């Protein structure tokens, strides 16, 4: 991800951020991290069921987009959210999706009524 000091319009920078979120595994990793102060790679592997190489690729994308930070301690690597706003973004997305689904259900229900 390019630094925010470049001359791109903010909407392009935002779109690039959302590219970093655009995979279910990355969203799941961020959800796991938002529930804890930090999580080891071993725990993330257990939670996601991914092979280490696949998880590593997703974590690299999240690091590149400045969504997570890593810290190595001995032979283990721990991840945490880079900013608390990431957890807020996930909560806002969940709330929005619940509202969208409820609106869709209401539309379907009203269309089915005689």
PDB file of N, CA and C in Angstrom:
ATOM      1  N   UNK A   1       0.847  -1.171   0.000  1.00  0.00           N
ATOM      2  CA  UNK A   1       0.000   0.000   0.000  1.00  0.00           C
ATOM      3  C   UNK A   1       0.888   1.228   0.000  1.00  0.00           C
ATOM      4  N   UNK A   2       0.557   2.179  -0.830  1.00  0.00           N
ATOM      5  CA  UNK A   2       1.333   3.405  -0.892  1.00  0.00           C
ATOM      6  C   UNK A   2       1.084   4.244   0.349  1.00  0.00           C
ATOM      7  N   UNK A   3       2.071   5.030   0.763  1.00  0.00           N
ATOM      8  CA  UNK A   3       1.865   5.883   1.928  1.00  0.00           C
ATOM      9  C   UNK A   3       0.775   6.909   1.661  1.00  0.00           C
ATOM     10  N   UNK A   4       0.137   7.367   2.724  1.00  0.00           N
ATOM     11  CA  UNK A   4      -0.939   8.350   2.584  1.00  0.00           C
ATOM     12  C   UNK A   4      -0.421   9.711   2.147  1.00  0.00           C
ATOM     13  N   UNK A   5       0.885   9.891   2.076  1.00  0.00           N
ATOM     14  CA  UNK A   5       1.451  11.167   1.676  1.00  0.00           C
ATOM     15  C   UNK A   5       1.462  11.341   0.168  1.00  0.00           C
ATOM     16  N   UNK A   6       1.074  10.295  -0.598  1.00  0.00           N
ATOM     17  CA  UNK A   6       1.062  10.464  -2.043  1.00  0.00           C
ATOM     18  C   UNK A   6      -0.095  11.371  -2.441  1.00  0.00           C
ATOM     19  N   UNK A   7      -0.184  11.648  -3.713  1.00  0.00           N
ATOM     20  CA  UNK A   7      -1.151  12.623  -4.208  1.00  0.00           C
ATOM     21  C   UNK A   7      -2.452  11.995  -4.713  1.00  0.00           C
ATOM     22  N   UNK A   8      -2.666  10.724  -4.399  1.00  0.00           N
ATOM     23  CA  UNK A   8      -3.894  10.071  -4.848  1.00  0.00           C
ATOM     24  C   UNK A   8      -5.079  10.619  -4.070  1.00  0.00           C
ATOM     25  N   UNK A   9      -6.248  10.680  -4.730  1.00  0.00           N
ATOM     26  CA  UNK A   9      -7.456  11.086  -4.000  1.00  0.00           C
ATOM     27  C   UNK A   9      -7.768  10.085  -2.888  1.00  0.00           C
ATOM     28  N   UNK A  10      -8.378  10.565  -1.826  1.00  0.00           N
ATOM     29  CA  UNK A  10      -8.676   9.718  -0.676  1.00  0.00           C
ATOM     30  C   UNK A  10      -9.544   8.526  -1.064  1.00  0.00           C
ATOM     31  N   UNK A  11     -10.461   8.697  -2.001  1.00  0.00           N
ATOM     32  CA  UNK A  11     -11.315   7.568  -2.389  1.00  0.00           C
ATOM     33  C   UNK A  11     -10.493   6.432  -2.995  1.00  0.00           C
ATOM     34  N   UNK A  12      -9.387   6.739  -3.672  1.00  0.00           N
ATOM     35  CA  UNK A  12      -8.525   5.683  -4.192  1.00  0.00           C
ATOM     36  C   UNK A  12      -7.783   4.972  -3.073  1.00  0.00           C
ATOM     37  N   UNK A  13      -7.339   5.726  -2.089  1.00  0.00           N
ATOM     38  CA  UNK A  13      -6.662   5.129  -0.940  1.00  0.00           C
ATOM     39  C   UNK A  13      -7.636   4.224  -0.183  1.00  0.00           C
ATOM     40  N   UNK A  14      -8.875   4.678  -0.018  1.00  0.00           N
ATOM     41  CA  UNK A  14      -9.903   3.861   0.647  1.00  0.00           C
ATOM     42  C   UNK A  14     -10.165   2.577  -0.135  1.00  0.00           C
ATOM     43  N   UNK A  15     -10.285   2.696  -1.439  1.00  0.00           N
ATOM     44  CA  UNK A  15     -10.540   1.510  -2.268  1.00  0.00           C
ATOM     45  C   UNK A  15      -9.399   0.503  -2.118  1.00  0.00           C
ATOM     46  N   UNK A  16      -8.180   0.986  -2.036  1.00  0.00           N
ATOM     47  CA  UNK A  16      -7.039   0.104  -1.855  1.00  0.00           C
ATOM     48  C   UNK A  16      -7.103  -0.594  -0.499  1.00  0.00           C
ATOM     49  N   UNK A  17      -7.533   0.123   0.530  1.00  0.00           N
ATOM     50  CA  UNK A  17      -7.708  -0.483   1.846  1.00  0.00           C
ATOM     51  C   UNK A  17      -8.719  -1.628   1.765  1.00  0.00           C
ATOM     52  N   UNK A  18      -9.828  -1.399   1.088  1.00  0.00           N
ATOM     53  CA  UNK A  18     -10.844  -2.437   0.966  1.00  0.00           C
ATOM     54  C   UNK A  18     -10.352  -3.634   0.158  1.00  0.00           C
ATOM     55  N   UNK A  19      -9.399  -3.424  -0.728  1.00  0.00           N
ATOM     56  CA  UNK A  19      -8.794  -4.557  -1.428  1.00  0.00           C
ATOM     57  C   UNK A  19      -8.093  -5.477  -0.432  1.00  0.00           C
ATOM     58  N   UNK A  20      -7.496  -4.888   0.576  1.00  0.00           N
ATOM     59  CA  UNK A  20      -6.843  -5.684   1.610  1.00  0.00           C
ATOM     60  C   UNK A  20      -7.822  -6.509   2.412  1.00  0.00           C
ATOM     61  N   UNK A  21      -9.070  -6.076   2.455  1.00  0.00           N
ATOM     62  CA  UNK A  21     -10.115  -6.777   3.199  1.00  0.00           C
ATOM     63  C   UNK A  21     -10.902  -7.750   2.324  1.00  0.00           C
ATOM     64  N   UNK A  22     -10.603  -7.776   1.046  1.00  0.00           N
ATOM     65  CA  UNK A  22     -11.463  -8.446   0.071  1.00  0.00           C
ATOM     66  C   UNK A  22     -11.244  -9.951  -0.039  1.00  0.00           C
ATOM     67  N   UNK A  23     -11.089 -10.617   1.081  1.00  0.00           N
ATOM     68  CA  UNK A  23     -11.016 -12.085   1.061  1.00  0.00           C
ATOM     69  C   UNK A  23     -11.555 -12.590   2.397  1.00  0.00           C
ATOM     70  N   UNK A  24     -12.400 -13.625   2.360  1.00  0.00           N
ATOM     71  CA  UNK A  24     -12.989 -14.131   3.604  1.00  0.00           C
ATOM     72  C   UNK A  24     -11.962 -14.548   4.656  1.00  0.00           C
ATOM     73  N   UNK A  25     -10.841 -15.105   4.235  1.00  0.00           N
ATOM     74  CA  UNK A  25      -9.823 -15.519   5.207  1.00  0.00           C
ATOM     75  C   UNK A  25      -9.248 -14.303   5.927  1.00  0.00           C
ATOM     76  N   UNK A  26      -8.993 -13.234   5.176  1.00  0.00           N
ATOM     77  CA  UNK A  26      -8.431 -12.038   5.812  1.00  0.00           C
ATOM     78  C   UNK A  26      -9.429 -11.410   6.776  1.00  0.00           C
ATOM     79  N   UNK A  27     -10.694 -11.411   6.400  1.00  0.00           N
ATOM     80  CA  UNK A  27     -11.715 -10.894   7.309  1.00  0.00           C
ATOM     81  C   UNK A  27     -11.768 -11.757   8.563  1.00  0.00           C
ATOM     82  N   UNK A  28     -11.712 -13.071   8.396  1.00  0.00           N
ATOM     83  CA  UNK A  28     -11.726 -13.973   9.557  1.00  0.00           C
ATOM     84  C   UNK A  28     -10.522 -13.723  10.462  1.00  0.00           C
ATOM     85  N   UNK A  29      -9.342 -13.568   9.880  1.00  0.00           N
ATOM     86  CA  UNK A  29      -8.142 -13.292  10.676  1.00  0.00           C
ATOM     87  C   UNK A  29      -8.327 -12.003  11.464  1.00  0.00           C
ATOM     88  N   UNK A  30      -8.851 -10.975  10.824  1.00  0.00           N
ATOM     89  CA  UNK A  30      -9.070  -9.702  11.524  1.00  0.00           C
ATOM     90  C   UNK A  30     -10.102  -9.843  12.633  1.00  0.00           C
ATOM     91  N   UNK A  31     -11.128 -10.657  12.407  1.00  0.00           N
ATOM     92  CA  UNK A  31     -12.121 -10.896  13.457  1.00  0.00           C
ATOM     93  C   UNK A  31     -11.484 -11.594  14.658  1.00  0.00           C
ATOM     94  N   UNK A  32     -10.646 -12.595  14.394  1.00  0.00           N
ATOM     95  CA  UNK A  32      -9.954 -13.304  15.480  1.00  0.00           C
ATOM     96  C   UNK A  32      -9.062 -12.329  16.236  1.00  0.00           C
ATOM     97  N   UNK A  33      -8.332 -11.506  15.506  1.00  0.00           N
ATOM     98  CA  UNK A  33      -7.435 -10.545  16.152  1.00  0.00           C
ATOM     99  C   UNK A  33      -8.208  -9.479  16.926  1.00  0.00           C
ATOM    100  N   UNK A  34      -9.379  -9.129  16.455  1.00  0.00           N
ATOM    101  CA  UNK A  34     -10.157  -8.098  17.153  1.00  0.00           C
ATOM    102  C   UNK A  34     -10.706  -8.600  18.480  1.00  0.00           C
ATOM    103  N   UNK A  35     -10.732  -9.921  18.662  1.00  0.00           N
ATOM    104  CA  UNK A  35     -11.251 -10.502  19.906  1.00  0.00           C
ATOM    105  C   UNK A  35     -10.159 -10.685  20.958  1.00  0.00           C
ATOM    106  N   UNK A  36      -8.902 -10.408  20.606  1.00  0.00           N
ATOM    107  CA  UNK A  36      -7.781 -10.610  21.525  1.00  0.00           C
ATOM    108  C   UNK A  36      -6.773  -9.480  21.367  1.00  0.00           C
ATOM    109  N   UNK A  37      -5.926  -9.349  22.374  1.00  0.00           N
ATOM    110  CA  UNK A  37      -4.848  -8.365  22.264  1.00  0.00           C
ATOM    111  C   UNK A  37      -3.842  -8.782  21.204  1.00  0.00           C
ATOM    112  N   UNK A  38      -3.521 -10.075  21.173  1.00  0.00           N
ATOM    113  CA  UNK A  38      -2.615 -10.621  20.170  1.00  0.00           C
ATOM    114  C   UNK A  38      -2.890 -12.109  20.037  1.00  0.00           C
ATOM    115  N   UNK A  39      -2.522 -12.644  18.868  1.00  0.00           N
ATOM    116  CA  UNK A  39      -2.778 -14.050  18.581  1.00  0.00           C
ATOM    117  C   UNK A  39      -1.551 -14.607  17.868  1.00  0.00           C
ATOM    118  N   UNK A  40      -1.146 -15.804  18.248  1.00  0.00           N
ATOM    119  CA  UNK A  40       0.009 -16.433  17.601  1.00  0.00           C
ATOM    120  C   UNK A  40      -0.398 -16.993  16.239  1.00  0.00           C
ATOM    121  N   UNK A  41       0.599 -17.156  15.393  1.00  0.00           N
ATOM    122  CA  UNK A  41       0.356 -17.768  14.087  1.00  0.00           C
ATOM    123  C   UNK A  41      -0.200 -19.174  14.273  1.00  0.00           C
ATOM    124  N   UNK A  42       0.288 -19.888  15.264  1.00  0.00           N
ATOM    125  CA  UNK A  42      -0.215 -21.239  15.532  1.00  0.00           C
ATOM    126  C   UNK A  42      -1.714 -21.213  15.803  1.00  0.00           C
ATOM    127  N   UNK A  43      -2.162 -20.252  16.604  1.00  0.00           N
ATOM    128  CA  UNK A  43      -3.599 -20.127  16.888  1.00  0.00           C
ATOM    129  C   UNK A  43      -4.378 -19.769  15.632  1.00  0.00           C
ATOM    130  N   UNK A  44      -3.809 -18.893  14.808  1.00  0.00           N
ATOM    131  CA  UNK A  44      -4.482 -18.519  13.562  1.00  0.00           C
ATOM    132  C   UNK A  44      -4.578 -19.712  12.616  1.00  0.00           C
ATOM    133  N   UNK A  45      -3.531 -20.522  12.574  1.00  0.00           N
ATOM    134  CA  UNK A  45      -3.575 -21.737  11.748  1.00  0.00           C
ATOM    135  C   UNK A  45      -4.673 -22.670  12.229  1.00  0.00           C
ATOM    136  N   UNK A  46      -4.776 -22.854  13.543  1.00  0.00           N
ATOM    137  CA  UNK A  46      -5.818 -23.721  14.107  1.00  0.00           C
ATOM    138  C   UNK A  46      -7.204 -23.174  13.778  1.00  0.00           C
ATOM    139  N   UNK A  47      -7.382 -21.873  13.904  1.00  0.00           N
ATOM    140  CA  UNK A  47      -8.690 -21.269  13.682  1.00  0.00           C
ATOM    141  C   UNK A  47      -9.116 -21.331  12.225  1.00  0.00           C
ATOM    142  N   UNK A  48      -8.182 -21.042  11.320  1.00  0.00           N
ATOM    143  CA  UNK A  48      -8.543 -20.972   9.900  1.00  0.00           C
ATOM    144  C   UNK A  48      -8.484 -22.314   9.192  1.00  0.00           C
ATOM    145  N   UNK A  49      -7.683 -23.236   9.712  1.00  0.00           N
ATOM    146  CA  UNK A  49      -7.523 -24.526   9.051  1.00  0.00           C
ATOM    147  C   UNK A  49      -6.695 -24.457   7.776  1.00  0.00           C
ATOM    148  N   UNK A  50      -6.018 -23.345   7.575  1.00  0.00           N
ATOM    149  CA  UNK A  50      -5.206 -23.182   6.372  1.00  0.00           C
ATOM    150  C   UNK A  50      -3.833 -23.809   6.532  1.00  0.00           C
ATOM    151  N   UNK A  51      -3.189 -24.058   5.404  1.00  0.00           N
ATOM    152  CA  UNK A  51      -1.785 -24.430   5.426  1.00  0.00           C
ATOM    153  C   UNK A  51      -0.982 -23.179   5.770  1.00  0.00           C
ATOM    154  N   UNK A  52       0.163 -23.362   6.373  1.00  0.00           N
ATOM    155  CA  UNK A  52       0.977 -22.231   6.815  1.00  0.00           C
ATOM    156  C   UNK A  52       1.310 -21.284   5.658  1.00  0.00           C
ATOM    157  N   UNK A  53       1.609 -21.826   4.503  1.00  0.00           N
ATOM    158  CA  UNK A  53       1.976 -20.964   3.372  1.00  0.00           C
ATOM    159  C   UNK A  53       0.815 -20.084   2.926  1.00  0.00           C
ATOM    160  N   UNK A  54      -0.395 -20.622   2.944  1.00  0.00           N
ATOM    161  CA  UNK A  54      -1.569 -19.827   2.550  1.00  0.00           C
ATOM    162  C   UNK A  54      -1.864 -18.746   3.581  1.00  0.00           C
ATOM    163  N   UNK A  55      -1.801 -19.095   4.856  1.00  0.00           N
ATOM    164  CA  UNK A  55      -2.023 -18.091   5.894  1.00  0.00           C
ATOM    165  C   UNK A  55      -0.964 -17.003   5.807  1.00  0.00           C
ATOM    166  N   UNK A  56       0.260 -17.389   5.574  1.00  0.00           N
ATOM    167  CA  UNK A  56       1.352 -16.430   5.458  1.00  0.00           C
ATOM    168  C   UNK A  56       1.088 -15.411   4.352  1.00  0.00           C
ATOM    169  N   UNK A  57       0.565 -15.864   3.240  1.00  0.00           N
ATOM    170  CA  UNK A  57       0.244 -14.956   2.135  1.00  0.00           C
ATOM    171  C   UNK A  57      -0.826 -13.951   2.540  1.00  0.00           C
ATOM    172  N   UNK A  58      -1.861 -14.424   3.243  1.00  0.00           N
ATOM    173  CA  UNK A  58      -2.924 -13.518   3.680  1.00  0.00           C
ATOM    174  C   UNK A  58      -2.412 -12.534   4.723  1.00  0.00           C
ATOM    175  N   UNK A  59      -1.580 -13.006   5.634  1.00  0.00           N
ATOM    176  CA  UNK A  59      -1.010 -12.105   6.640  1.00  0.00           C
ATOM    177  C   UNK A  59      -0.117 -11.057   5.986  1.00  0.00           C
ATOM    178  N   UNK A  60       0.584 -11.437   4.943  1.00  0.00           N
ATOM    179  CA  UNK A  60       1.424 -10.473   4.222  1.00  0.00           C
ATOM    180  C   UNK A  60       0.574  -9.366   3.598  1.00  0.00           C
ATOM    181  N   UNK A  61      -0.569  -9.730   3.043  1.00  0.00           N
ATOM    182  CA  UNK A  61      -1.477  -8.728   2.470  1.00  0.00           C
ATOM    183  C   UNK A  61      -1.967  -7.788   3.577  1.00  0.00           C
ATOM    184  N   UNK A  62      -2.353  -8.350   4.706  1.00  0.00           N
ATOM    185  CA  UNK A  62      -2.833  -7.521   5.815  1.00  0.00           C
ATOM    186  C   UNK A  62      -1.736  -6.594   6.331  1.00  0.00           C
ATOM    187  N   UNK A  63      -0.512  -7.083   6.394  1.00  0.00           N
ATOM    188  CA  UNK A  63       0.616  -6.229   6.811  1.00  0.00           C
ATOM    189  C   UNK A  63       0.851  -5.122   5.787  1.00  0.00           C
ATOM    190  N   UNK A  64       0.830  -5.481   4.510  1.00  0.00           N
ATOM    191  CA  UNK A  64       1.071  -4.522   3.438  1.00  0.00           C
ATOM    192  C   UNK A  64       0.039  -3.394   3.447  1.00  0.00           C
ATOM    193  N   UNK A  65      -1.175  -3.714   3.867  1.00  0.00           N
ATOM    194  CA  UNK A  65      -2.236  -2.707   3.933  1.00  0.00           C
ATOM    195  C   UNK A  65      -2.309  -2.044   5.317  1.00  0.00           C
ATOM    196  N   UNK A  66      -1.309  -2.296   6.135  1.00  0.00           N
ATOM    197  CA  UNK A  66      -1.199  -1.668   7.460  1.00  0.00           C
ATOM    198  C   UNK A  66      -2.388  -1.965   8.376  1.00  0.00           C
ATOM    199  N   UNK A  67      -2.937  -3.168   8.241  1.00  0.00           N
ATOM    200  CA  UNK A  67      -4.063  -3.568   9.077  1.00  0.00           C
ATOM    201  C   UNK A  67      -3.619  -4.358  10.297  1.00  0.00           C
ATOM    202  N   UNK A  68      -2.476  -5.040  10.204  1.00  0.00           N
ATOM    203  CA  UNK A  68      -1.949  -5.828  11.317  1.00  0.00           C
ATOM    204  C   UNK A  68      -0.458  -5.543  11.476  1.00  0.00           C
ATOM    205  N   UNK A  69       0.040  -5.859  12.661  1.00  0.00           N
ATOM    206  CA  UNK A  69       1.481  -5.813  12.920  1.00  0.00           C
ATOM    207  C   UNK A  69       1.885  -7.137  13.545  1.00  0.00           C
ATOM    208  N   UNK A  70       3.142  -7.508  13.308  1.00  0.00           N
ATOM    209  CA  UNK A  70       3.653  -8.783  13.801  1.00  0.00           C
ATOM    210  C   UNK A  70       4.828  -8.537  14.728  1.00  0.00           C
ATOM    211  N   UNK A  71       4.987  -9.456  15.662  1.00  0.00           N
ATOM    212  CA  UNK A  71       6.132  -9.413  16.571  1.00  0.00           C
ATOM    213  C   UNK A  71       6.626 -10.832  16.778  1.00  0.00           C
ATOM    214  N   UNK A  72       7.912 -11.034  16.529  1.00  0.00           N
ATOM    215  CA  UNK A  72       8.523 -12.352  16.728  1.00  0.00           C
ATOM    216  C   UNK A  72       9.057 -12.428  18.146  1.00  0.00           C
ATOM    217  N   UNK A  73       8.715 -13.528  18.826  1.00  0.00           N
ATOM    218  CA  UNK A  73       9.258 -13.835  20.148  1.00  0.00           C
ATOM    219  C   UNK A  73       9.729 -15.268  20.118  1.00  0.00           C
ATOM    220  N   UNK A  74      11.034 -15.440  20.197  1.00  0.00           N
ATOM    221  CA  UNK A  74      11.663 -16.762  20.088  1.00  0.00           C
ATOM    222  C   UNK A  74      11.251 -17.367  18.750  1.00  0.00           C
ATOM    223  N   UNK A  75      10.624 -18.529  18.772  1.00  0.00           N
ATOM    224  CA  UNK A  75      10.265 -19.186  17.513  1.00  0.00           C
ATOM    225  C   UNK A  75       8.823 -18.917  17.096  1.00  0.00           C
ATOM    226  N   UNK A  76       8.117 -18.084  17.833  1.00  0.00           N
ATOM    227  CA  UNK A  76       6.704 -17.838  17.551  1.00  0.00           C
ATOM    228  C   UNK A  76       6.503 -16.390  17.091  1.00  0.00           C
ATOM    229  N   UNK A  77       5.553 -16.202  16.177  1.00  0.00           N
ATOM    230  CA  UNK A  77       5.188 -14.872  15.703  1.00  0.00           C
ATOM    231  C   UNK A  77       3.776 -14.579  16.189  1.00  0.00           C
ATOM    232  N   UNK A  78       3.594 -13.374  16.723  1.00  0.00           N
ATOM    233  CA  UNK A  78       2.302 -12.936  17.228  1.00  0.00           C
ATOM    234  C   UNK A  78       1.802 -11.768  16.391  1.00  0.00           C
ATOM    235  N   UNK A  79       0.507 -11.765  16.153  1.00  0.00           N
ATOM    236  CA  UNK A  79      -0.128 -10.694  15.383  1.00  0.00           C
ATOM    237  C   UNK A  79      -1.127  -9.962  16.246  1.00  0.00           C
ATOM    238  N   UNK A  80      -1.295  -8.694  15.920  1.00  0.00           N
ATOM    239  CA  UNK A  80      -2.339  -7.879  16.547  1.00  0.00           C
ATOM    240  C   UNK A  80      -2.814  -6.855  15.511  1.00  0.00           C
ATOM    241  N   UNK A  81      -3.970  -6.274  15.775  1.00  0.00           N
ATOM    242  CA  UNK A  81      -4.465  -5.232  14.889  1.00  0.00           C
ATOM    243  C   UNK A  81      -3.534  -4.033  14.968  1.00  0.00           C
ATOM    244  N   UNK A  82      -3.274  -3.415  13.852  1.00  0.00           N
ATOM    245  CA  UNK A  82      -2.410  -2.242  13.827  1.00  0.00           C
ATOM    246  C   UNK A  82      -3.112  -1.033  14.435  1.00  0.00           C
ATOM    247  N   UNK A  83      -4.426  -0.991  14.309  1.00  0.00           N
ATOM    248  CA  UNK A  83      -5.226   0.137  14.803  1.00  0.00           C
ATOM    249  C   UNK A  83      -6.544  -0.397  15.360  1.00  0.00           C
ATOM    250  N   UNK A  84      -7.008   0.162  16.471  1.00  0.00           N
ATOM    251  CA  UNK A  84      -8.304  -0.295  17.013  1.00  0.00           C
ATOM    252  C   UNK A  84      -9.468  -0.004  16.069  1.00  0.00           C
ATOM    253  N   UNK A  85      -9.292   0.940  15.170  1.00  0.00           N
ATOM    254  CA  UNK A  85     -10.358   1.267  14.222  1.00  0.00           C
ATOM    255  C   UNK A  85     -10.669   0.100  13.289  1.00  0.00           C
ATOM    256  N   UNK A  86      -9.730  -0.830  13.132  1.00  0.00           N
ATOM    257  CA  UNK A  86      -9.994  -2.013  12.300  1.00  0.00           C
ATOM    258  C   UNK A  86     -11.146  -2.810  12.913  1.00  0.00           C
ATOM    259  N   UNK A  87     -11.124  -2.986  14.232  1.00  0.00           N
ATOM    260  CA  UNK A  87     -12.218  -3.696  14.904  1.00  0.00           C
ATOM    261  C   UNK A  87     -13.519  -2.916  14.772  1.00  0.00           C
ATOM    262  N   UNK A  88     -13.444  -1.598  14.847  1.00  0.00           N
ATOM    263  CA  UNK A  88     -14.637  -0.768  14.673  1.00  0.00           C
ATOM    264  C   UNK A  88     -15.199  -0.924  13.259  1.00  0.00           C
ATOM    265  N   UNK A  89     -14.313  -0.990  12.271  1.00  0.00           N
ATOM    266  CA  UNK A  89     -14.739  -1.188  10.889  1.00  0.00           C
ATOM    267  C   UNK A  89     -15.456  -2.521  10.718  1.00  0.00           C
ATOM    268  N   UNK A  90     -14.934  -3.568  11.341  1.00  0.00           N
ATOM    269  CA  UNK A  90     -15.580  -4.880  11.278  1.00  0.00           C
ATOM    270  C   UNK A  90     -16.960  -4.845  11.934  1.00  0.00           C
ATOM    271  N   UNK A  91     -17.072  -4.160  13.068  1.00  0.00           N
ATOM    272  CA  UNK A  91     -18.379  -4.039  13.740  1.00  0.00           C
ATOM    273  C   UNK A  91     -19.365  -3.262  12.876  1.00  0.00           C
ATOM    274  N   UNK A  92     -18.901  -2.180  12.265  1.00  0.00           N
ATOM    275  CA  UNK A  92     -19.778  -1.386  11.396  1.00  0.00           C
ATOM    276  C   UNK A  92     -20.241  -2.209  10.196  1.00  0.00           C
ATOM    277  N   UNK A  93     -19.337  -2.996   9.624  1.00  0.00           N
ATOM    278  CA  UNK A  93     -19.707  -3.848   8.482  1.00  0.00           C
ATOM    279  C   UNK A  93     -20.747  -4.878   8.901  1.00  0.00           C
ATOM    280  N   UNK A  94     -20.557  -5.474  10.077  1.00  0.00           N
ATOM    281  CA  UNK A  94     -21.526  -6.462  10.569  1.00  0.00           C
ATOM    282  C   UNK A  94     -22.898  -5.818  10.766  1.00  0.00           C
ATOM    283  N   UNK A  95     -22.929  -4.646  11.364  1.00  0.00           N
ATOM    284  CA  UNK A  95     -24.186  -3.941  11.599  1.00  0.00           C
ATOM    285  C   UNK A  95     -24.874  -3.605  10.272  1.00  0.00           C
ATOM    286  N   UNK A  96     -24.110  -3.114   9.321  1.00  0.00           N
ATOM    287  CA  UNK A  96     -24.660  -2.801   8.005  1.00  0.00           C
ATOM    288  C   UNK A  96     -25.221  -4.048   7.329  1.00  0.00           C
ATOM    289  N   UNK A  97     -24.488  -5.148   7.385  1.00  0.00           N
ATOM    290  CA  UNK A  97     -24.963  -6.384   6.761  1.00  0.00           C
ATOM    291  C   UNK A  97     -26.235  -6.903   7.414  1.00  0.00           C
ATOM    292  N   UNK A  98     -26.336  -6.795   8.715  1.00  0.00           N
ATOM    293  CA  UNK A  98     -27.561  -7.214   9.405  1.00  0.00           C
ATOM    294  C   UNK A  98     -28.737  -6.380   8.929  1.00  0.00           C
ATOM    295  N   UNK A  99     -28.532  -5.069   8.813  1.00  0.00           N
ATOM    296  CA  UNK A  99     -29.605  -4.195   8.319  1.00  0.00           C
ATOM    297  C   UNK A  99     -29.992  -4.534   6.883  1.00  0.00           C
ATOM    298  N   UNK A 100     -29.002  -4.787   6.038  1.00  0.00           N
ATOM    299  CA  UNK A 100     -29.279  -5.134   4.639  1.00  0.00           C
ATOM    300  C   UNK A 100     -30.058  -6.446   4.560  1.00  0.00           C
ATOM    301  N   UNK A 101     -29.622  -7.445   5.327  1.00  0.00           N
ATOM    302  CA  UNK A 101     -30.323  -8.732   5.311  1.00  0.00           C
ATOM    303  C   UNK A 101     -31.753  -8.598   5.814  1.00  0.00           C
ATOM    304  N   UNK A 102     -31.958  -7.818   6.855  1.00  0.00           N
ATOM    305  CA  UNK A 102     -33.311  -7.613   7.388  1.00  0.00           C
ATOM    306  C   UNK A 102     -34.195  -6.909   6.352  1.00  0.00           C
ATOM    307  N   UNK A 103     -33.660  -5.917   5.680  1.00  0.00           N
ATOM    308  CA  UNK A 103     -34.424  -5.225   4.635  1.00  0.00           C
ATOM    309  C   UNK A 103     -34.769  -6.188   3.505  1.00  0.00           C
ATOM    310  N   UNK A 104     -33.824  -7.029   3.134  1.00  0.00           N
ATOM    311  CA  UNK A 104     -34.077  -8.012   2.073  1.00  0.00           C
ATOM    312  C   UNK A 104     -35.166  -8.993   2.490  1.00  0.00           C
ATOM    313  N   UNK A 105     -35.107  -9.461   3.742  1.00  0.00           N
ATOM    314  CA  UNK A 105     -36.147 -10.380   4.239  1.00  0.00           C
ATOM    315  C   UNK A 105     -37.519  -9.721   4.204  1.00  0.00           C
ATOM    316  N   UNK A 106     -37.574  -8.470   4.587  1.00  0.00           N
ATOM    317  CA  UNK A 106     -38.852  -7.759   4.599  1.00  0.00           C
ATOM    318  C   UNK A 106     -39.386  -7.601   3.180  1.00  0.00           C
ATOM    319  N   UNK A 107     -38.505  -7.313   2.227  1.00  0.00           N
ATOM    320  CA  UNK A 107     -38.934  -7.194   0.825  1.00  0.00           C
ATOM    321  C   UNK A 107     -39.485  -8.524   0.308  1.00  0.00           C
ATOM    322  N   UNK A 108     -38.785  -9.620   0.632  1.00  0.00           N
ATOM    323  CA  UNK A 108     -39.242 -10.941   0.200  1.00  0.00           C
ATOM    324  C   UNK A 108     -40.582 -11.268   0.843  1.00  0.00           C
ATOM    325  N   UNK A 109     -40.702 -10.995   2.124  1.00  0.00           N
ATOM    326  CA  UNK A 109     -41.960 -11.282   2.832  1.00  0.00           C
ATOM    327  C   UNK A 109     -43.116 -10.485   2.247  1.00  0.00           C
ATOM    328  N   UNK A 110     -42.900  -9.227   1.965  1.00  0.00           N
ATOM    329  CA  UNK A 110     -43.985  -8.401   1.414  1.00  0.00           C
ATOM    330  C   UNK A 110     -44.323  -8.824  -0.014  1.00  0.00           C
ATOM    331  N   UNK A 111     -43.366  -9.330  -0.758  1.00  0.00           N
ATOM    332  CA  UNK A 111     -43.624  -9.785  -2.117  1.00  0.00           C
ATOM    333  C   UNK A 111     -44.395 -11.102  -2.120  1.00  0.00           C
ATOM    334  N   UNK A 112     -44.243 -11.902  -1.073  1.00  0.00           N
ATOM    335  CA  UNK A 112     -44.920 -13.190  -0.994  1.00  0.00           C
ATOM    336  C   UNK A 112     -46.356 -13.076  -0.502  1.00  0.00           C
ATOM    337  N   UNK A 113     -46.690 -11.972   0.106  1.00  0.00           N
ATOM    338  CA  UNK A 113     -48.055 -11.804   0.647  1.00  0.00           C
ATOM    339  C   UNK A 113     -49.029 -11.630  -0.503  1.00  0.00           C
ATOM    340  N   UNK A 114     -50.229 -12.292  -0.396  1.00  0.00           N
ATOM    341  CA  UNK A 114     -51.233 -12.184  -1.472  1.00  0.00           C
ATOM    342  C   UNK A 114     -51.880 -10.828  -1.534  1.00  0.00           C
TER     343      UNK A 114
END
